[in-house]
Amino acid sequence: MTTPHHPVAVIGAGLGGLTLACVLHVNGIEAAVFDLEANPAARTQGGMLDIHEDSGQEALRAAGLHERFRELVLPGGEATRIVDKDGLILLDEPDDGTGGRPEVDRGELRGLLLGSLPEGTVRWGAKATDARPLGDGRYEVTLADGSIFTTDLLVGADGAWSRIRPLVSDARPAYTGVSFVEVDLREAAVRHPVAAEVVGGGFFFALGPGRGLLAHRETDGSVHVYVALEADEDWLDGIDFTDPEAARTRLLEHFADWDTSLQSLVAEADGALVPRRIHALPVGHRWDRVPGVTLLGDAAHLMSPFTGEGANLAMLDGAELAQSIAARPDDVETALTAYEEKLFPRSKASAAASAGNAALLFREDAPQGLLEMFAAHG
């Protein structure tokens, strides 16, 4: 049986991989995208994303999707509120519609990208388990079902624990010292009025030393909450998340002296609580040019989420890689070199800023550090 061959193979159908495929398609170049999920609806895609004017939105323009993206924006989503542990409002900025970081639902954005690709571009249920060089910049990729394919250009868009990264780098993500637990309050205005009132209409920060409650409104009227704690890497292992009531009680122990309106963001959580350790690659992660393969998004520059850059950079990576390939279709190595020369300094700066913001958010005088940052950018 003949081994299938794809001139361009993208591992991972997240926002970055899909943006790459979309911009390639706009430029008349087809890519095959492989994703481990069984289908596009196999799992929820997470909460809201703020899509930045100079990165994520630029990528959407390159894909010809910016106008349709604007239709997905959550009105009022750029509002920002900062409170202390007593619930005292220290900053309350409304969304006047002039900001450069509109909020959209991640799942709707992913759907927009998927819908713009030719049918069959994404191969679902196709988990890459191994990749090896064949020489001359070609690669053989093995999937979980035992099937294999070859490619002339292999792109790792497969996230934090990338199977493709080892082809170019020995780096692995490390725990940052911060853990999240994500919770939801559904139909917040009706079922959780106290929590809805304290959060407001956009993004919300309640901060104290080493801990915080970060929240935002969703397009369906729910409130998504990130319970953040500076903690040992094994801290989450001591909580039984199969028992939501017991898990909520354990989390609230860390907020015992906080205002009851803030405690309600955890105490009234609906459904499952989802633990997540925050990992990051080393700031300034880079690799030497390896023929026929490159990385984008979290596979290239996983960072903490405290600048909101992860999804935006993944999309910009995808768009710029596609544009570089389209400009040099007969010289892939020059295209990859040009892409990486822009990728490395950009991702280093963002990763450093994310690490700095993590320290700033949870320092001993929190939320003063965040207030100072807003004042400096005022």
Foldseek 3Di string as FASTA:
>chain_A
DDFAEWAAEEEDLALLSLLLQLLLVVLVHHYAYEYQAQDLVSDADDFKAFAAQVFQLVSCVSSVRNVVVVVQFDPFAPWEWEDELQLHTPDTGTCPPPDGTTMGTRSVSSVSSVVSHPPNSYDYNWAWDAKDDPPPQKIWTATPVGGIHIYNAYEFAPAQQTRQLVVFDPWHWDFLQKKKKKFKDALCVPPPVLLDVSCDAYWYWYAAAQWIWIWGAGPRNMIMIITMGRDPPCVVVVFDQVDLQRNLVVSCVVSVVGHVSVSCVSNVTDDTIHMDGQIWTDQLDDGPQDRRYDYAANSGTRAGCQVSCRSRRSSNLSSQLSVLCSVCVPCNSVSVVVSRVVSRVVSNVVRVVRSVRVCQQNHRPPPVSVVVVVVVVD
